[in-house]
């Protein structure tokens, strides 16, 4: 049985990349999901879905007031960026955000307490090519962990980083990039895949700290997939374009190779990055970073870098996989750039 998120999150955290006279800095904005992304009840969402009203999409004119601004370095001449933002323990807190720059310097920001906590530096951090998973322990446990794919790290309440072995295939010539990853067995096992020929999938046992090959099959997702205990299924975006939101049972994947069930078809925009946030109680937020594609004469489809925008969609999924779309907001990136939604 996987870890269950016991309470419903009230906010999503939007990390924006900005510039001012002092240089690059990052701001964290907390968006109230009940105000912007969800109707008061499932009945309201069902009525809107069935009466032909269509998805209610709000144009978000500006981001909420930032709760913190973070500079990646105090050295003005440095071009260093922040490499990672993530919730430390999403199953128990939506306010504790771990921040790491490209040099491995890290801090923990608690948005509820409005406090910063200095964290030990991480040696050898590989920046944006890494992916991470927050492992929630059982109630009463004294240890939490974050596992990354270029090395894994975990830490008890007395904070320190512990290096663990990387996936075997990333050390081989032409080993391929990680195409999908997820947690299994309550966080005791991490499963990841590469779409490169001959790689397949691997398991990492977090207790023993050992890798093993799972098989030739690959996870049918792109990026992170999440186990949802109420559904007893894994949710994520499909590996194939246009990356619909879908669900599958990974325990049966290796034997029957059945395609995942599509829950929500992708919209017409070109998404450059996607994220699925599990708020708990069957509620989810889909975050998509999009670009407008224009057809300019015979040159074909041309990306306009000025037309970048973020789309957040609130939705509800029942145990029978019945879905209810709530609200959606669109934020055009004009004076800033959205770095991450967590």
Protein backbone atom coordinates (compact mmCIF):
# COMPACT_ATOMS: atom_id res chain seq x y z
CA UNK A 1 0.00 0.00 0.00
CA UNK A 2 1.38 3.37 -1.02
CA UNK A 3 1.51 6.47 1.14
CA UNK A 4 -1.84 8.27 1.26
CA UNK A 5 -2.04 12.03 1.26
CA UNK A 6 -4.35 12.56 4.22
CA UNK A 7 -5.30 16.18 3.78
CA UNK A 8 -6.19 18.28 0.80
CA UNK A 9 -3.70 20.97 -0.18
CA UNK A 10 -5.02 24.51 -0.27
CA UNK A 11 -2.25 26.09 -2.35
CA UNK A 12 0.07 25.44 -5.25
CA UNK A 13 3.45 27.16 -5.30
CA UNK A 14 4.47 28.99 -8.48
CA UNK A 15 8.18 29.74 -8.82
CA UNK A 16 8.93 32.64 -11.19
CA UNK A 17 12.26 33.72 -12.66
CA UNK A 18 12.76 37.51 -12.63
CA UNK A 19 15.38 40.16 -13.27
CA UNK A 20 15.93 43.51 -11.59
CA UNK A 21 18.87 45.91 -11.23
CA UNK A 22 20.63 43.45 -8.92
CA UNK A 23 20.30 40.62 -11.42
CA UNK A 24 18.48 37.30 -11.48
CA UNK A 25 16.20 36.28 -8.63
CA UNK A 26 13.39 33.78 -8.06
CA UNK A 27 10.07 34.54 -6.40
CA UNK A 28 7.62 32.07 -4.86
CA UNK A 29 3.90 32.77 -5.25
CA UNK A 30 1.17 30.79 -3.45
CA UNK A 31 -2.05 30.33 -5.44
CA UNK A 32 -5.29 29.57 -3.58
CA UNK A 33 -6.76 26.58 -5.44
CA UNK A 34 -10.25 26.92 -3.94
CA UNK A 35 -10.47 30.45 -5.31
CA UNK A 36 -8.95 29.95 -8.76
CA UNK A 37 -9.14 26.27 -9.73
CA UNK A 38 -12.08 24.55 -8.04
CA UNK A 39 -15.83 24.98 -7.72
CA UNK A 40 -17.33 24.78 -4.21
CA UNK A 41 -18.38 21.17 -4.81
CA UNK A 42 -18.33 18.26 -7.25
CA UNK A 43 -22.00 18.97 -8.00
CA UNK A 44 -21.07 22.42 -9.32
CA UNK A 45 -18.34 20.92 -11.50
CA UNK A 46 -20.67 18.17 -12.79
CA UNK A 47 -23.33 20.75 -13.66
CA UNK A 48 -20.81 22.84 -15.57
CA UNK A 49 -19.48 19.74 -17.39
CA UNK A 50 -22.94 18.49 -18.44
CA UNK A 51 -24.78 21.70 -19.32
CA UNK A 52 -22.47 22.64 -22.16
CA UNK A 53 -20.93 25.52 -20.26
CA UNK A 54 -17.45 24.22 -21.02
CA UNK A 55 -14.30 24.71 -19.03
CA UNK A 56 -14.25 28.03 -17.21
CA UNK A 57 -10.88 29.61 -18.02
CA UNK A 58 -9.77 32.70 -16.18
CA UNK A 59 -7.05 35.01 -17.43
CA UNK A 60 -4.75 35.55 -14.47
CA UNK A 61 -3.50 39.11 -14.90
CA UNK A 62 -0.76 38.86 -12.29
CA UNK A 63 0.68 36.32 -9.92
CA UNK A 64 -0.21 36.45 -6.22
CA UNK A 65 2.06 38.57 -4.03
CA UNK A 66 5.39 36.74 -3.62
CA UNK A 67 6.11 35.29 -0.21
CA UNK A 68 9.88 35.22 -0.76
CA UNK A 69 12.55 36.28 -3.24
CA UNK A 70 15.65 34.11 -3.63
CA UNK A 71 18.93 35.07 -5.31
CA UNK A 72 20.91 32.08 -6.59
CA UNK A 73 24.18 33.71 -5.47
CA UNK A 74 25.39 36.82 -3.66
CA UNK A 75 28.15 37.34 -6.22
CA UNK A 76 26.91 39.91 -8.74
CA UNK A 77 29.21 38.73 -11.55
CA UNK A 78 28.03 35.12 -11.26
CA UNK A 79 25.59 33.70 -13.82
CA UNK A 80 24.57 30.88 -11.51
CA UNK A 81 20.91 29.81 -11.47
CA UNK A 82 18.70 27.88 -9.13
CA UNK A 83 18.68 24.24 -10.18
CA UNK A 84 15.95 22.79 -7.99
CA UNK A 85 12.79 23.71 -6.08
CA UNK A 86 10.65 21.02 -4.49
CA UNK A 87 8.33 20.29 -1.59
CA UNK A 88 10.30 18.52 1.10
CA UNK A 89 7.39 16.35 2.30
CA UNK A 90 4.26 16.88 0.16
CA UNK A 91 2.29 14.22 2.04
CA UNK A 92 2.45 16.20 5.28
CA UNK A 93 3.21 19.82 4.36
CA UNK A 94 2.60 22.08 1.38
CA UNK A 95 4.74 24.92 2.73
CA UNK A 96 8.27 23.50 3.19
CA UNK A 97 10.22 24.18 0.01
CA UNK A 98 13.76 22.93 -0.57
CA UNK A 99 15.84 25.22 -2.81
CA UNK A 100 19.21 24.29 -4.35
CA UNK A 101 21.42 26.35 -6.67
CA UNK A 102 23.79 25.04 -9.34
CA UNK A 103 26.68 24.97 -6.87
CA UNK A 104 24.75 22.70 -4.51
CA UNK A 105 24.10 25.37 -1.87
CA UNK A 106 20.67 24.76 -0.36
CA UNK A 107 18.12 26.24 1.99
CA UNK A 108 14.72 25.21 3.32
CA UNK A 109 11.95 27.82 3.21
CA UNK A 110 8.78 27.37 5.28
CA UNK A 111 6.05 29.50 3.71
CA UNK A 112 3.71 29.09 6.70
CA UNK A 113 6.31 30.21 9.22
CA UNK A 114 7.97 32.69 6.80
CA UNK A 115 11.31 31.28 7.91
CA UNK A 116 14.51 30.20 6.12
CA UNK A 117 16.64 27.32 7.36
CA UNK A 118 20.20 26.82 6.20
CA UNK A 119 20.81 23.34 4.81
CA UNK A 120 24.09 21.51 4.18
CA UNK A 121 25.61 21.90 0.72
CA UNK A 122 25.16 19.12 -1.79
CA UNK A 123 28.38 18.11 -3.52
CA UNK A 124 28.28 17.18 -7.17
CA UNK A 125 24.72 18.29 -7.91
CA UNK A 126 24.00 17.83 -11.63
CA UNK A 127 21.45 20.59 -12.04
CA UNK A 128 18.49 20.47 -14.41
CA UNK A 129 19.23 16.99 -15.80
CA UNK A 130 18.34 15.47 -12.43
CA UNK A 131 14.89 14.37 -11.33
CA UNK A 132 13.82 13.92 -7.72
CA UNK A 133 11.27 12.14 -5.56
CA UNK A 134 10.26 13.00 -2.01
CA UNK A 135 9.89 9.84 0.07
CA UNK A 136 7.37 10.12 2.92
CA UNK A 137 7.98 7.76 5.81
CA UNK A 138 5.37 6.10 7.98
CA UNK A 139 3.70 8.11 10.74
CA UNK A 140 6.09 8.73 13.61
CA UNK A 141 9.22 7.99 11.60
CA UNK A 142 12.17 10.29 12.21
CA UNK A 143 13.52 10.27 8.70
CA UNK A 144 12.48 11.74 5.37
CA UNK A 145 14.36 11.64 2.11
CA UNK A 146 14.81 13.05 -1.36
CA UNK A 147 16.16 10.78 -4.08
CA UNK A 148 17.70 12.12 -7.29
CA UNK A 149 18.67 10.26 -10.41
CA UNK A 150 22.30 11.30 -10.75
CA UNK A 151 22.85 10.08 -7.21
CA UNK A 152 20.40 9.70 -4.35
CA UNK A 153 20.33 11.46 -1.02
CA UNK A 154 18.43 11.02 2.20
CA UNK A 155 18.60 12.76 5.56
CA UNK A 156 17.20 12.48 9.09
CA UNK A 157 16.13 15.46 11.19
CA UNK A 158 19.81 16.28 11.73
CA UNK A 159 20.30 17.30 8.12
CA UNK A 160 23.03 15.82 5.99
CA UNK A 161 23.37 14.47 2.45
CA UNK A 162 24.19 10.81 1.83
CA UNK A 163 25.39 9.77 -1.61
CA UNK A 164 23.83 6.60 -3.04
CA UNK A 165 24.58 4.74 -6.30
CA UNK A 166 23.20 6.22 -9.55
CA UNK A 167 21.13 4.14 -12.00
CA UNK A 168 23.42 1.61 -13.73
CA UNK A 169 22.59 2.61 -17.28
CA UNK A 170 23.45 6.32 -16.91
CA UNK A 171 27.12 5.38 -16.44
CA UNK A 172 27.28 3.46 -19.71
CA UNK A 173 28.24 5.10 -23.03
CA UNK A 174 25.01 6.04 -24.79
CA UNK A 175 23.01 4.80 -21.82
CA UNK A 176 20.11 7.11 -22.52
CA UNK A 177 18.13 9.63 -20.51
CA UNK A 178 15.42 8.79 -18.02
CA UNK A 179 12.04 8.98 -19.74
CA UNK A 180 9.78 8.23 -16.75
CA UNK A 181 10.00 7.53 -13.03
CA UNK A 182 7.75 6.83 -10.04
CA UNK A 183 7.55 5.36 -6.55
CA UNK A 184 6.17 1.95 -5.57
CA UNK A 185 5.50 0.10 -2.32
CA UNK A 186 5.02 3.21 -0.21
CA UNK A 187 8.33 4.71 -1.31
CA UNK A 188 10.40 1.61 -0.58
CA UNK A 189 11.03 1.15 -4.31
CA UNK A 190 11.75 3.65 -7.07
CA UNK A 191 11.03 2.58 -10.63
CA UNK A 192 12.50 4.40 -13.61
CA UNK A 193 12.70 3.78 -17.34
CA UNK A 194 14.61 4.92 -20.38
CA UNK A 195 13.09 4.90 -23.84
CA UNK A 196 16.55 4.27 -25.34
CA UNK A 197 16.93 0.91 -27.10
CA UNK A 198 17.84 -1.98 -24.82
CA UNK A 199 17.61 -0.12 -21.51
CA UNK A 200 14.13 -0.92 -20.19
CA UNK A 201 13.26 -0.31 -16.53
CA UNK A 202 15.11 -0.51 -13.22
CA UNK A 203 14.12 -0.74 -9.55
CA UNK A 204 15.95 0.98 -6.71
CA UNK A 205 15.41 -0.46 -3.20
CA UNK A 206 15.65 2.59 -0.93
CA UNK A 207 16.24 0.57 2.26
CA UNK A 208 19.07 -1.58 0.92
CA UNK A 209 20.35 1.07 -1.50
CA UNK A 210 20.55 -1.38 -4.41
CA UNK A 211 19.57 -1.26 -8.08
CA UNK A 212 18.10 -4.19 -10.03
CA UNK A 213 16.85 -4.51 -13.59
CA UNK A 214 13.06 -4.80 -13.78
CA UNK A 215 12.80 -5.86 -17.42
CA UNK A 216 12.67 -4.75 -21.05
CA UNK A 217 9.35 -2.95 -20.59
CA UNK A 218 9.18 0.82 -20.08
CA UNK A 219 6.84 2.98 -18.06
CA UNK A 220 4.10 4.34 -20.39
CA UNK A 221 4.59 7.88 -19.10
CA UNK A 222 6.77 10.90 -19.70
CA UNK A 223 8.36 12.39 -16.61
CA UNK A 224 7.00 11.60 -13.18
CA UNK A 225 4.03 9.29 -12.58
CA UNK A 226 2.23 9.30 -9.24
CA UNK A 227 0.55 6.48 -7.37
CA UNK A 228 -2.93 7.43 -6.12
CA UNK A 229 -4.02 5.09 -3.34
CA UNK A 230 -7.73 5.92 -3.68
CA UNK A 231 -7.60 4.71 -7.30
CA UNK A 232 -4.97 1.98 -6.80
CA UNK A 233 -3.45 3.26 -10.06
CA UNK A 234 -0.54 5.34 -11.29
CA UNK A 235 -1.37 8.65 -12.99
CA UNK A 236 0.83 10.60 -15.37
CA UNK A 237 1.18 12.00 -18.87
CA UNK A 238 1.42 9.48 -21.69
CA UNK A 239 4.79 8.80 -23.28
CA UNK A 240 3.48 9.50 -26.77
CA UNK A 241 2.53 12.95 -28.06
CA UNK A 242 0.23 14.79 -27.26
CA UNK A 243 0.82 13.44 -23.74
CA UNK A 244 -2.74 12.88 -22.51
CA UNK A 245 -3.35 12.44 -18.80
CA UNK A 246 -3.68 8.69 -18.29
CA UNK A 247 -3.75 5.94 -15.66
CA UNK A 248 -2.38 2.40 -15.48
CA UNK A 249 -1.65 -0.45 -13.05
CA UNK A 250 2.12 -0.89 -12.95
CA UNK A 251 1.93 -4.22 -11.12
CA UNK A 252 0.35 -5.77 -14.23
CA UNK A 253 2.37 -3.77 -16.75
CA UNK A 254 5.23 -6.24 -17.10
CA UNK A 255 2.89 -9.12 -17.96
CA UNK A 256 0.02 -7.80 -20.06
CA UNK A 257 1.47 -4.59 -21.57
CA UNK A 258 -2.00 -3.07 -21.75
CA UNK A 259 -2.05 0.58 -22.84
CA UNK A 260 -2.93 3.11 -20.14
CA UNK A 261 -6.45 4.49 -19.81
CA UNK A 262 -6.81 8.06 -21.07
CA UNK A 263 -8.47 10.28 -18.47
CA UNK A 264 -8.16 13.70 -20.07
CA UNK A 265 -7.11 14.41 -23.68
CA UNK A 266 -4.46 17.07 -24.16
CA UNK A 267 -5.53 20.50 -25.39
CA UNK A 268 -4.38 22.13 -28.58
CA UNK A 269 -1.38 24.00 -27.18
CA UNK A 270 2.18 22.77 -27.47
CA UNK A 271 3.28 21.94 -23.91
CA UNK A 272 7.02 22.20 -23.31
CA UNK A 273 6.77 20.91 -19.74
CA UNK A 274 4.01 19.29 -17.68
CA UNK A 275 3.42 18.54 -14.03
CA UNK A 276 0.65 16.74 -12.12
CA UNK A 277 0.06 17.87 -8.53
CA UNK A 278 -1.85 15.54 -6.22
CA UNK A 279 -3.74 17.75 -3.76
CA UNK A 280 -5.32 14.81 -1.93
CA UNK A 281 -8.98 13.78 -1.57
CA UNK A 282 -9.19 12.97 -5.29
CA UNK A 283 -8.26 16.49 -6.40
CA UNK A 284 -5.44 17.28 -8.82
CA UNK A 285 -3.91 20.26 -10.59
CA UNK A 286 -2.45 19.91 -14.07
CA UNK A 287 0.31 22.44 -14.77
CA UNK A 288 1.36 22.92 -18.38
CA UNK A 289 4.04 25.26 -19.67
CA UNK A 290 2.99 26.17 -23.20
CA UNK A 291 4.07 28.04 -26.32
CA UNK A 292 1.96 29.45 -29.09
CA UNK A 293 2.91 27.93 -32.46
CA UNK A 294 2.37 30.01 -35.57
CA UNK A 295 2.44 28.85 -39.18
CA UNK A 296 4.52 31.39 -41.05
CA UNK A 297 4.36 30.85 -44.81
CA UNK A 298 6.41 28.00 -46.26
CA UNK A 299 8.76 27.93 -43.30
CA UNK A 300 6.29 25.81 -41.36
CA UNK A 301 5.49 25.98 -37.68
CA UNK A 302 7.58 28.58 -35.88
CA UNK A 303 7.80 29.05 -32.14
CA UNK A 304 7.33 32.59 -30.84
CA UNK A 305 9.33 32.83 -27.61
CA UNK A 306 7.33 35.89 -26.57
CA UNK A 307 4.11 33.85 -26.41
CA UNK A 308 4.85 31.60 -23.47
CA UNK A 309 2.16 30.95 -20.91
CA UNK A 310 1.25 28.75 -17.97
CA UNK A 311 -2.05 26.87 -17.79
CA UNK A 312 -3.30 25.44 -14.49
CA UNK A 313 -6.36 23.18 -14.49
CA UNK A 314 -8.20 21.82 -11.46
CA UNK A 315 -9.80 18.41 -11.79
CA UNK A 316 -11.33 15.68 -9.66
CA UNK A 317 -11.05 11.92 -10.23
CA UNK A 318 -13.38 9.39 -8.61
CA UNK A 319 -12.38 5.77 -7.78
CA UNK A 320 -14.37 4.61 -10.85
CA UNK A 321 -12.13 6.94 -12.93
CA UNK A 322 -14.98 9.36 -13.61
CA UNK A 323 -13.38 12.77 -14.06
CA UNK A 324 -14.75 16.23 -13.34
CA UNK A 325 -13.00 19.27 -14.72
CA UNK A 326 -13.32 22.32 -12.52
CA UNK A 327 -11.66 25.61 -13.51
CA UNK A 328 -8.60 26.62 -15.49
CA UNK A 329 -6.41 29.71 -15.46
CA UNK A 330 -3.94 31.03 -18.00
CA UNK A 331 -1.03 33.29 -17.11
CA UNK A 332 0.94 34.97 -19.91
CA UNK A 333 4.66 35.27 -19.18
CA UNK A 334 5.46 38.90 -19.95
CA UNK A 335 7.78 40.38 -17.31
CA UNK A 336 8.80 37.06 -15.84
CA UNK A 337 9.25 33.41 -16.70
CA UNK A 338 7.62 30.54 -14.84
CA UNK A 339 10.39 28.27 -13.60
CA UNK A 340 8.40 25.62 -11.77
CA UNK A 341 5.02 24.75 -10.21
CA UNK A 342 5.18 22.63 -7.06
